Amino acid sequence: MFTPQGPTLRELTAQALSSVEHGYDLLAPKFDATPFRTPDRILTAVARALEELGPFDAGLDVCCGTGAGLPVLRSVCAGRVAGVDFSANMLAEARRRDPAATLVRADALALPFTASFDLAVSFGAFGHFLPAAQRVLFAQVHAALRPGGLLAFPLPAPPPVGARAYWTLWAFDAAMRVRNAVWRPPFVMYYRTFRLADVRALLEETGYEVTHQPLPDFGTRDDGSPHCRLVVARKVREVREGGRSTAPRRR
């Protein structure tokens, strides 16, 4: 983490004691040199899987950050490519990466789009949303998709209970909960609040048909399950206020 190009311990501490928005504004110039940036290996695997599900017209990167996921959309979308994030400095980095993309500063829980996209992707952002907010997020993306549009995102398998990675994530989440209990403003970033079964239920309640497929580049665990999946949620129902859903109207 502490590379010449990456943030210093002091800079990371300042970020951790800030709000989510201001923290990412501070981190933006060096974000791509941190482990928090989605690895190219995952981006490439997702792009390859989406090629089999397309073609797509317009694409949206939700919580796009510095725009690492924009090339994925470029590779599978024939039309407009857009990104949305609430950090102005992260968007500035994304603009340098892809000047032609439509980049919008907005809260993902209040997206300024209606039935505008055929594909939405997101990489590494869901830990910023607690379960109650995840429902709102999925509904907002649902509204931004055209009928039949897809929301797709990679979801690594959780580490085995007792493994070093398991305790690392547990300790990080515990430290974050203590930090948010004693310090304001809160910084929401948890690694253990986004589980496949729970996420699938929320997506289905929000009007999606959900499937998932292994990303073969990452192999399988000892029990045969994949190390990383691509979750694919297709918009199949319109959801009315109050949670009741209906099939889309035919035109």
C-alpha atoms as a PDB file:
ATOM      1  CA  MET A   1       0.000   0.000   0.000  1.00  0.00           C
ATOM      2  CA  PHE A   2       2.799   2.406   0.893  1.00  0.00           C
ATOM      3  CA  THR A   3       4.394   2.788  -2.536  1.00  0.00           C
ATOM      4  CA  PRO A   4       6.043   5.967  -3.836  1.00  0.00           C
ATOM      5  CA  GLN A   5       2.960   6.614  -5.972  1.00  0.00           C
ATOM      6  CA  GLY A   6       0.411   5.745  -3.317  1.00  0.00           C
ATOM      7  CA  PRO A   7      -0.929   7.636  -0.295  1.00  0.00           C
ATOM      8  CA  THR A   8       1.105   7.961   2.860  1.00  0.00           C
ATOM      9  CA  LEU A   9      -0.097   6.686   6.230  1.00  0.00           C
ATOM     10  CA  ARG A  10      -0.882  10.278   7.197  1.00  0.00           C
ATOM     11  CA  GLU A  11      -2.980  10.775   4.062  1.00  0.00           C
ATOM     12  CA  LEU A  12      -4.871   7.521   4.645  1.00  0.00           C
ATOM     13  CA  THR A  13      -5.554   8.526   8.238  1.00  0.00           C
ATOM     14  CA  ALA A  14      -6.931  11.900   7.113  1.00  0.00           C
ATOM     15  CA  GLN A  15      -9.175  10.105   4.637  1.00  0.00           C
ATOM     16  CA  ALA A  16     -10.404   7.600   7.240  1.00  0.00           C
ATOM     17  CA  LEU A  17     -11.382  10.399   9.605  1.00  0.00           C
ATOM     18  CA  SER A  18     -13.368  12.240   6.924  1.00  0.00           C
ATOM     19  CA  SER A  19     -16.804  11.668   5.443  1.00  0.00           C
ATOM     20  CA  VAL A  20     -16.996   9.209   2.546  1.00  0.00           C
ATOM     21  CA  GLU A  21     -17.291  12.022   0.001  1.00  0.00           C
ATOM     22  CA  HIS A  22     -14.486  14.183   1.395  1.00  0.00           C
ATOM     23  CA  GLY A  23     -12.319  11.140   2.035  1.00  0.00           C
ATOM     24  CA  TYR A  24     -12.450  10.166  -1.618  1.00  0.00           C
ATOM     25  CA  ASP A  25     -11.854  13.749  -2.685  1.00  0.00           C
ATOM     26  CA  LEU A  26      -8.627  13.608  -0.671  1.00  0.00           C
ATOM     27  CA  LEU A  27      -7.612  10.176  -1.962  1.00  0.00           C
ATOM     28  CA  ALA A  28      -8.544  10.689  -5.627  1.00  0.00           C
ATOM     29  CA  PRO A  29      -5.135  11.706  -7.073  1.00  0.00           C
ATOM     30  CA  LYS A  30      -3.492   8.569  -5.649  1.00  0.00           C
ATOM     31  CA  PHE A  31      -6.454   6.185  -5.578  1.00  0.00           C
ATOM     32  CA  ASP A  32      -5.314   4.091  -8.543  1.00  0.00           C
ATOM     33  CA  ALA A  33      -2.078   3.299  -6.675  1.00  0.00           C
ATOM     34  CA  THR A  34      -3.966   1.734  -3.737  1.00  0.00           C
ATOM     35  CA  PRO A  35      -5.294  -1.826  -3.243  1.00  0.00           C
ATOM     36  CA  PHE A  36      -8.822  -0.366  -3.163  1.00  0.00           C
ATOM     37  CA  ARG A  37      -8.849   0.119  -6.934  1.00  0.00           C
ATOM     38  CA  THR A  38     -10.463  -2.848  -8.723  1.00  0.00           C
ATOM     39  CA  PRO A  39      -7.680  -4.963 -10.268  1.00  0.00           C
ATOM     40  CA  ASP A  40      -7.420  -5.073 -14.060  1.00  0.00           C
ATOM     41  CA  ARG A  41      -7.726  -8.852 -13.876  1.00  0.00           C
ATOM     42  CA  ILE A  42     -11.280  -8.550 -12.558  1.00  0.00           C
ATOM     43  CA  LEU A  43     -12.200  -5.831 -15.060  1.00  0.00           C
ATOM     44  CA  THR A  44     -10.940  -7.952 -17.950  1.00  0.00           C
ATOM     45  CA  ALA A  45     -12.833 -11.031 -16.752  1.00  0.00           C
ATOM     46  CA  VAL A  46     -16.078  -9.047 -16.399  1.00  0.00           C
ATOM     47  CA  ALA A  47     -15.674  -7.529 -19.872  1.00  0.00           C
ATOM     48  CA  ARG A  48     -15.172 -10.986 -21.354  1.00  0.00           C
ATOM     49  CA  ALA A  49     -18.308 -12.312 -19.635  1.00  0.00           C
ATOM     50  CA  LEU A  50     -20.409  -9.322 -20.704  1.00  0.00           C
ATOM     51  CA  GLU A  51     -19.412  -9.803 -24.334  1.00  0.00           C
ATOM     52  CA  GLU A  52     -21.394 -13.055 -24.221  1.00  0.00           C
ATOM     53  CA  LEU A  53     -24.466 -11.258 -22.825  1.00  0.00           C
ATOM     54  CA  GLY A  54     -24.550  -8.278 -25.219  1.00  0.00           C
ATOM     55  CA  PRO A  55     -24.688  -6.417 -27.439  1.00  0.00           C
ATOM     56  CA  PHE A  56     -25.559  -3.315 -25.419  1.00  0.00           C
ATOM     57  CA  ASP A  57     -26.240   0.273 -26.415  1.00  0.00           C
ATOM     58  CA  ALA A  58     -25.852   2.733 -23.514  1.00  0.00           C
ATOM     59  CA  GLY A  59     -23.894   1.810 -20.381  1.00  0.00           C
ATOM     60  CA  LEU A  60     -23.609   3.284 -16.882  1.00  0.00           C
ATOM     61  CA  ASP A  61     -20.840   2.802 -14.300  1.00  0.00           C
ATOM     62  CA  VAL A  62     -22.424   3.294 -10.873  1.00  0.00           C
ATOM     63  CA  CYS A  63     -20.012   4.813  -8.324  1.00  0.00           C
ATOM     64  CA  CYS A  64     -17.426   5.014 -11.093  1.00  0.00           C
ATOM     65  CA  GLY A  65     -14.660   6.548  -8.987  1.00  0.00           C
ATOM     66  CA  THR A  66     -11.591   7.245 -11.119  1.00  0.00           C
ATOM     67  CA  GLY A  67     -13.208   5.490 -14.067  1.00  0.00           C
ATOM     68  CA  ALA A  68     -11.397   2.153 -14.002  1.00  0.00           C
ATOM     69  CA  GLY A  69     -14.611   0.439 -15.123  1.00  0.00           C
ATOM     70  CA  LEU A  70     -15.316   2.757 -18.051  1.00  0.00           C
ATOM     71  CA  PRO A  71     -13.150   0.710 -20.464  1.00  0.00           C
ATOM     72  CA  VAL A  72     -15.326  -2.311 -19.639  1.00  0.00           C
ATOM     73  CA  LEU A  73     -18.372  -0.395 -20.867  1.00  0.00           C
ATOM     74  CA  ARG A  74     -16.464   0.863 -23.909  1.00  0.00           C
ATOM     75  CA  SER A  75     -15.681  -2.734 -24.862  1.00  0.00           C
ATOM     76  CA  VAL A  76     -19.306  -3.934 -24.801  1.00  0.00           C
ATOM     77  CA  CYS A  77     -21.463  -0.830 -25.444  1.00  0.00           C
ATOM     78  CA  ALA A  78     -22.044   0.672 -28.874  1.00  0.00           C
ATOM     79  CA  GLY A  79     -23.672   3.848 -27.563  1.00  0.00           C
ATOM     80  CA  ARG A  80     -23.227   6.339 -24.758  1.00  0.00           C
ATOM     81  CA  VAL A  81     -20.964   5.487 -21.843  1.00  0.00           C
ATOM     82  CA  ALA A  82     -21.633   7.300 -18.565  1.00  0.00           C
ATOM     83  CA  GLY A  83     -20.315   7.288 -15.020  1.00  0.00           C
ATOM     84  CA  VAL A  84     -21.790   8.646 -11.813  1.00  0.00           C
ATOM     85  CA  ASP A  85     -20.024   9.374  -8.531  1.00  0.00           C
ATOM     86  CA  PHE A  86     -20.469  11.875  -5.707  1.00  0.00           C
ATOM     87  CA  SER A  87     -16.769  12.739  -5.360  1.00  0.00           C
ATOM     88  CA  ALA A  88     -15.820  15.655  -7.591  1.00  0.00           C
ATOM     89  CA  ASN A  89     -12.122  14.794  -7.452  1.00  0.00           C
ATOM     90  CA  MET A  90     -12.697  11.138  -8.341  1.00  0.00           C
ATOM     91  CA  LEU A  91     -14.748  12.303 -11.330  1.00  0.00           C
ATOM     92  CA  ALA A  92     -11.904  14.617 -12.352  1.00  0.00           C
ATOM     93  CA  GLU A  93      -9.614  11.579 -12.505  1.00  0.00           C
ATOM     94  CA  ALA A  94     -12.241   9.662 -14.494  1.00  0.00           C
ATOM     95  CA  ARG A  95     -12.500  12.571 -16.923  1.00  0.00           C
ATOM     96  CA  ARG A  96      -8.763  12.378 -17.558  1.00  0.00           C
ATOM     97  CA  ARG A  97      -9.097   8.667 -18.260  1.00  0.00           C
ATOM     98  CA  ASP A  98     -12.095   9.009 -20.622  1.00  0.00           C
ATOM     99  CA  PRO A  99     -12.809  12.592 -21.754  1.00  0.00           C
ATOM    100  CA  ALA A 100     -15.631  11.410 -24.029  1.00  0.00           C
ATOM    101  CA  ALA A 101     -17.667   9.738 -21.273  1.00  0.00           C
ATOM    102  CA  THR A 102     -20.705  11.438 -19.755  1.00  0.00           C
ATOM    103  CA  LEU A 103     -19.665  11.943 -16.129  1.00  0.00           C
ATOM    104  CA  VAL A 104     -22.234  13.099 -13.606  1.00  0.00           C
ATOM    105  CA  ARG A 105     -21.742  14.108  -9.993  1.00  0.00           C
ATOM    106  CA  ALA A 106     -24.660  12.635  -8.047  1.00  0.00           C
ATOM    107  CA  ASP A 107     -25.583  10.429  -5.113  1.00  0.00           C
ATOM    108  CA  ALA A 108     -26.111   6.827  -6.215  1.00  0.00           C
ATOM    109  CA  LEU A 109     -29.155   6.778  -3.916  1.00  0.00           C
ATOM    110  CA  ALA A 110     -30.757   9.514  -6.046  1.00  0.00           C
ATOM    111  CA  LEU A 111     -29.689   8.832  -9.629  1.00  0.00           C
ATOM    112  CA  PRO A 112     -30.731  11.504 -12.151  1.00  0.00           C
ATOM    113  CA  PHE A 113     -31.652   9.003 -14.891  1.00  0.00           C
ATOM    114  CA  THR A 114     -34.879   7.368 -16.026  1.00  0.00           C
ATOM    115  CA  ALA A 115     -34.913   4.363 -18.384  1.00  0.00           C
ATOM    116  CA  SER A 116     -31.715   5.549 -20.057  1.00  0.00           C
ATOM    117  CA  PHE A 117     -29.354   2.549 -20.065  1.00  0.00           C
ATOM    118  CA  ASP A 118     -29.171  -1.033 -21.288  1.00  0.00           C
ATOM    119  CA  LEU A 119     -26.330  -2.013 -18.963  1.00  0.00           C
ATOM    120  CA  ALA A 120     -25.186  -0.823 -15.545  1.00  0.00           C
ATOM    121  CA  VAL A 121     -22.025  -2.043 -13.837  1.00  0.00           C
ATOM    122  CA  SER A 122     -20.382  -1.323 -10.509  1.00  0.00           C
ATOM    123  CA  PHE A 123     -16.991  -2.316  -9.128  1.00  0.00           C
ATOM    124  CA  GLY A 124     -16.043  -2.389  -5.466  1.00  0.00           C
ATOM    125  CA  ALA A 125     -18.564   0.208  -4.281  1.00  0.00           C
ATOM    126  CA  PHE A 126     -21.254  -1.809  -2.511  1.00  0.00           C
ATOM    127  CA  GLY A 127     -19.451  -1.852   0.832  1.00  0.00           C
ATOM    128  CA  HIS A 128     -20.360   1.824   1.126  1.00  0.00           C
ATOM    129  CA  PHE A 129     -24.048   0.936   1.438  1.00  0.00           C
ATOM    130  CA  LEU A 130     -25.594  -0.720   4.467  1.00  0.00           C
ATOM    131  CA  PRO A 131     -28.368  -3.262   3.719  1.00  0.00           C
ATOM    132  CA  ALA A 132     -31.207  -0.724   4.001  1.00  0.00           C
ATOM    133  CA  ALA A 133     -29.409   1.578   1.568  1.00  0.00           C
ATOM    134  CA  GLN A 134     -28.667  -1.310  -0.802  1.00  0.00           C
ATOM    135  CA  ARG A 135     -32.402  -1.673  -1.435  1.00  0.00           C
ATOM    136  CA  VAL A 136     -32.612   2.010  -2.392  1.00  0.00           C
ATOM    137  CA  LEU A 137     -29.506   1.724  -4.573  1.00  0.00           C
ATOM    138  CA  PHE A 138     -30.883  -1.241  -6.504  1.00  0.00           C
ATOM    139  CA  ALA A 139     -34.192   0.583  -6.994  1.00  0.00           C
ATOM    140  CA  GLN A 140     -32.376   3.648  -8.331  1.00  0.00           C
ATOM    141  CA  VAL A 141     -30.395   1.566 -10.830  1.00  0.00           C
ATOM    142  CA  HIS A 142     -33.609  -0.266 -11.741  1.00  0.00           C
ATOM    143  CA  ALA A 143     -35.228   3.079 -12.618  1.00  0.00           C
ATOM    144  CA  ALA A 144     -32.188   4.072 -14.702  1.00  0.00           C
ATOM    145  CA  LEU A 145     -32.354   0.883 -16.800  1.00  0.00           C
ATOM    146  CA  ARG A 146     -34.535   0.350 -19.831  1.00  0.00           C
ATOM    147  CA  PRO A 147     -36.908  -2.650 -19.727  1.00  0.00           C
ATOM    148  CA  GLY A 148     -34.790  -5.770 -20.001  1.00  0.00           C
ATOM    149  CA  GLY A 149     -31.620  -3.884 -19.054  1.00  0.00           C
ATOM    150  CA  LEU A 150     -28.910  -5.528 -16.965  1.00  0.00           C
ATOM    151  CA  LEU A 151     -27.147  -4.651 -13.744  1.00  0.00           C
ATOM    152  CA  ALA A 152     -23.921  -6.668 -13.550  1.00  0.00           C
ATOM    153  CA  PHE A 153     -21.158  -6.759 -10.979  1.00  0.00           C
ATOM    154  CA  PRO A 154     -18.415  -9.147  -9.797  1.00  0.00           C
ATOM    155  CA  LEU A 155     -18.822 -10.720  -6.389  1.00  0.00           C
ATOM    156  CA  PRO A 156     -15.846 -12.571  -4.873  1.00  0.00           C
ATOM    157  CA  ALA A 157     -16.607 -15.532  -2.631  1.00  0.00           C
ATOM    158  CA  PRO A 158     -16.172 -14.839   1.094  1.00  0.00           C
ATOM    159  CA  PRO A 159     -12.993 -16.300   2.590  1.00  0.00           C
ATOM    160  CA  PRO A 160     -13.409 -19.552   4.551  1.00  0.00           C
ATOM    161  CA  VAL A 161     -14.232 -19.103   8.228  1.00  0.00           C
ATOM    162  CA  GLY A 162     -11.019 -19.070  10.206  1.00  0.00           C
ATOM    163  CA  ALA A 163      -8.774 -18.235   7.261  1.00  0.00           C
ATOM    164  CA  ARG A 164      -6.395 -15.297   7.571  1.00  0.00           C
ATOM    165  CA  ALA A 165      -8.432 -13.285   5.047  1.00  0.00           C
ATOM    166  CA  TYR A 166     -11.594 -13.988   7.044  1.00  0.00           C
ATOM    167  CA  TRP A 167     -10.099 -12.503  10.214  1.00  0.00           C
ATOM    168  CA  THR A 168      -8.613  -9.577   8.286  1.00  0.00           C
ATOM    169  CA  LEU A 169     -12.027  -8.589   6.934  1.00  0.00           C
ATOM    170  CA  TRP A 170     -13.673  -9.210  10.304  1.00  0.00           C
ATOM    171  CA  ALA A 171     -11.110  -6.962  12.013  1.00  0.00           C
ATOM    172  CA  PHE A 172     -11.519  -4.233   9.394  1.00  0.00           C
ATOM    173  CA  ASP A 173     -15.304  -4.188   9.764  1.00  0.00           C
ATOM    174  CA  ALA A 174     -15.045  -4.225  13.558  1.00  0.00           C
ATOM    175  CA  ALA A 175     -12.595  -1.322  13.513  1.00  0.00           C
ATOM    176  CA  MET A 176     -14.884   0.603  11.168  1.00  0.00           C
ATOM    177  CA  ARG A 177     -17.871   0.080  13.473  1.00  0.00           C
ATOM    178  CA  VAL A 178     -15.870   1.334  16.459  1.00  0.00           C
ATOM    179  CA  ARG A 179     -14.656   4.325  14.427  1.00  0.00           C
ATOM    180  CA  ASN A 180     -18.222   5.222  13.435  1.00  0.00           C
ATOM    181  CA  ALA A 181     -19.453   4.828  17.008  1.00  0.00           C
ATOM    182  CA  VAL A 182     -16.992   7.378  18.369  1.00  0.00           C
ATOM    183  CA  TRP A 183     -16.247   9.694  15.435  1.00  0.00           C
ATOM    184  CA  ARG A 184     -18.295  11.923  13.183  1.00  0.00           C
ATOM    185  CA  PRO A 185     -18.887  12.175  10.306  1.00  0.00           C
ATOM    186  CA  PRO A 186     -19.309   8.434   9.685  1.00  0.00           C
ATOM    187  CA  PHE A 187     -17.327   6.620   7.011  1.00  0.00           C
ATOM    188  CA  VAL A 188     -19.354   3.685   5.714  1.00  0.00           C
ATOM    189  CA  MET A 189     -17.136   0.956   4.296  1.00  0.00           C
ATOM    190  CA  TYR A 190     -17.794  -2.636   5.281  1.00  0.00           C
ATOM    191  CA  TYR A 191     -16.655  -5.842   3.593  1.00  0.00           C
ATOM    192  CA  ARG A 192     -19.013  -8.310   5.255  1.00  0.00           C
ATOM    193  CA  THR A 193     -22.430  -6.718   4.608  1.00  0.00           C
ATOM    194  CA  PHE A 194     -22.799  -7.811   0.974  1.00  0.00           C
ATOM    195  CA  ARG A 195     -23.605 -11.528   0.844  1.00  0.00           C
ATOM    196  CA  LEU A 196     -24.892 -13.279  -2.268  1.00  0.00           C
ATOM    197  CA  ALA A 197     -28.089 -14.723  -0.734  1.00  0.00           C
ATOM    198  CA  ASP A 198     -29.094 -11.399   0.832  1.00  0.00           C
ATOM    199  CA  VAL A 199     -28.223  -9.414  -2.277  1.00  0.00           C
ATOM    200  CA  ARG A 200     -30.151 -11.779  -4.514  1.00  0.00           C
ATOM    201  CA  ALA A 201     -33.256 -11.437  -2.341  1.00  0.00           C
ATOM    202  CA  LEU A 202     -33.026  -7.634  -2.405  1.00  0.00           C
ATOM    203  CA  LEU A 203     -32.575  -7.570  -6.173  1.00  0.00           C
ATOM    204  CA  GLU A 204     -35.549  -9.853  -6.754  1.00  0.00           C
ATOM    205  CA  GLU A 205     -37.722  -7.751  -4.462  1.00  0.00           C
ATOM    206  CA  THR A 206     -36.711  -4.687  -6.467  1.00  0.00           C
ATOM    207  CA  GLY A 207     -37.868  -6.080  -9.806  1.00  0.00           C
ATOM    208  CA  TYR A 208     -34.891  -8.004 -11.164  1.00  0.00           C
ATOM    209  CA  GLU A 209     -34.476 -11.538 -12.367  1.00  0.00           C
ATOM    210  CA  VAL A 210     -31.133 -12.674 -10.947  1.00  0.00           C
ATOM    211  CA  THR A 211     -28.608 -15.163 -12.263  1.00  0.00           C
ATOM    212  CA  HIS A 212     -24.909 -15.539 -11.645  1.00  0.00           C
ATOM    213  CA  GLN A 213     -22.058 -17.250 -13.406  1.00  0.00           C
ATOM    214  CA  PRO A 214     -18.487 -18.091 -12.455  1.00  0.00           C
ATOM    215  CA  LEU A 215     -15.621 -15.987 -13.735  1.00  0.00           C
ATOM    216  CA  PRO A 216     -13.344 -18.839 -14.876  1.00  0.00           C
ATOM    217  CA  ASP A 217     -10.140 -16.802 -14.660  1.00  0.00           C
ATOM    218  CA  PHE A 218     -10.263 -17.108 -10.860  1.00  0.00           C
ATOM    219  CA  GLY A 219     -10.752 -20.854 -10.564  1.00  0.00           C
ATOM    220  CA  THR A 220     -12.706 -22.712  -7.896  1.00  0.00           C
ATOM    221  CA  ARG A 221     -12.471 -23.320  -4.159  1.00  0.00           C
ATOM    222  CA  ASP A 222     -11.999 -26.720  -2.549  1.00  0.00           C
ATOM    223  CA  ASP A 223     -15.767 -27.278  -2.513  1.00  0.00           C
ATOM    224  CA  GLY A 224     -16.022 -26.569  -6.252  1.00  0.00           C
ATOM    225  CA  SER A 225     -17.660 -23.152  -5.903  1.00  0.00           C
ATOM    226  CA  PRO A 226     -16.119 -20.274  -7.851  1.00  0.00           C
ATOM    227  CA  HIS A 227     -13.714 -17.837  -6.257  1.00  0.00           C
ATOM    228  CA  CYS A 228     -15.515 -15.013  -8.063  1.00  0.00           C
ATOM    229  CA  ARG A 229     -18.928 -14.726  -9.730  1.00  0.00           C
ATOM    230  CA  LEU A 230     -20.545 -12.261 -12.071  1.00  0.00           C
ATOM    231  CA  VAL A 231     -23.993 -11.401 -10.722  1.00  0.00           C
ATOM    232  CA  VAL A 232     -26.405 -10.507 -13.520  1.00  0.00           C
ATOM    233  CA  ALA A 233     -29.716  -8.854 -12.612  1.00  0.00           C
ATOM    234  CA  ARG A 234     -32.171  -8.219 -15.440  1.00  0.00           C
ATOM    235  CA  LYS A 235     -34.926  -5.632 -15.079  1.00  0.00           C
ATOM    236  CA  VAL A 236     -38.138  -7.606 -15.563  1.00  0.00           C
ATOM    237  CA  ARG A 237     -40.737  -5.754 -13.471  1.00  0.00           C
ATOM    238  CA  GLU A 238     -41.673  -2.189 -12.666  1.00  0.00           C
ATOM    239  CA  VAL A 239     -41.821  -1.490  -8.942  1.00  0.00           C
ATOM    240  CA  ARG A 240     -44.497   0.816  -7.610  1.00  0.00           C
ATOM    241  CA  GLU A 241     -44.169   2.934  -4.515  1.00  0.00           C
ATOM    242  CA  GLY A 242     -44.743   0.717  -1.495  1.00  0.00           C
ATOM    243  CA  GLY A 243     -42.813  -2.235  -2.923  1.00  0.00           C
ATOM    244  CA  ARG A 244     -45.516  -3.816  -5.147  1.00  0.00           C
ATOM    245  CA  SER A 245     -44.215  -4.816  -8.562  1.00  0.00           C
ATOM    246  CA  THR A 246     -45.809  -5.363 -11.927  1.00  0.00           C
ATOM    247  CA  ALA A 247     -44.664  -6.604 -15.301  1.00  0.00           C
ATOM    248  CA  PRO A 248     -43.541  -3.887 -17.724  1.00  0.00           C
ATOM    249  CA  ARG A 249     -46.252  -2.662 -20.081  1.00  0.00           C
ATOM    250  CA  ARG A 250     -46.006  -3.857 -23.640  1.00  0.00           C
ATOM    251  CA  ARG A 251     -45.931  -1.188 -26.315  1.00  0.00           C
END
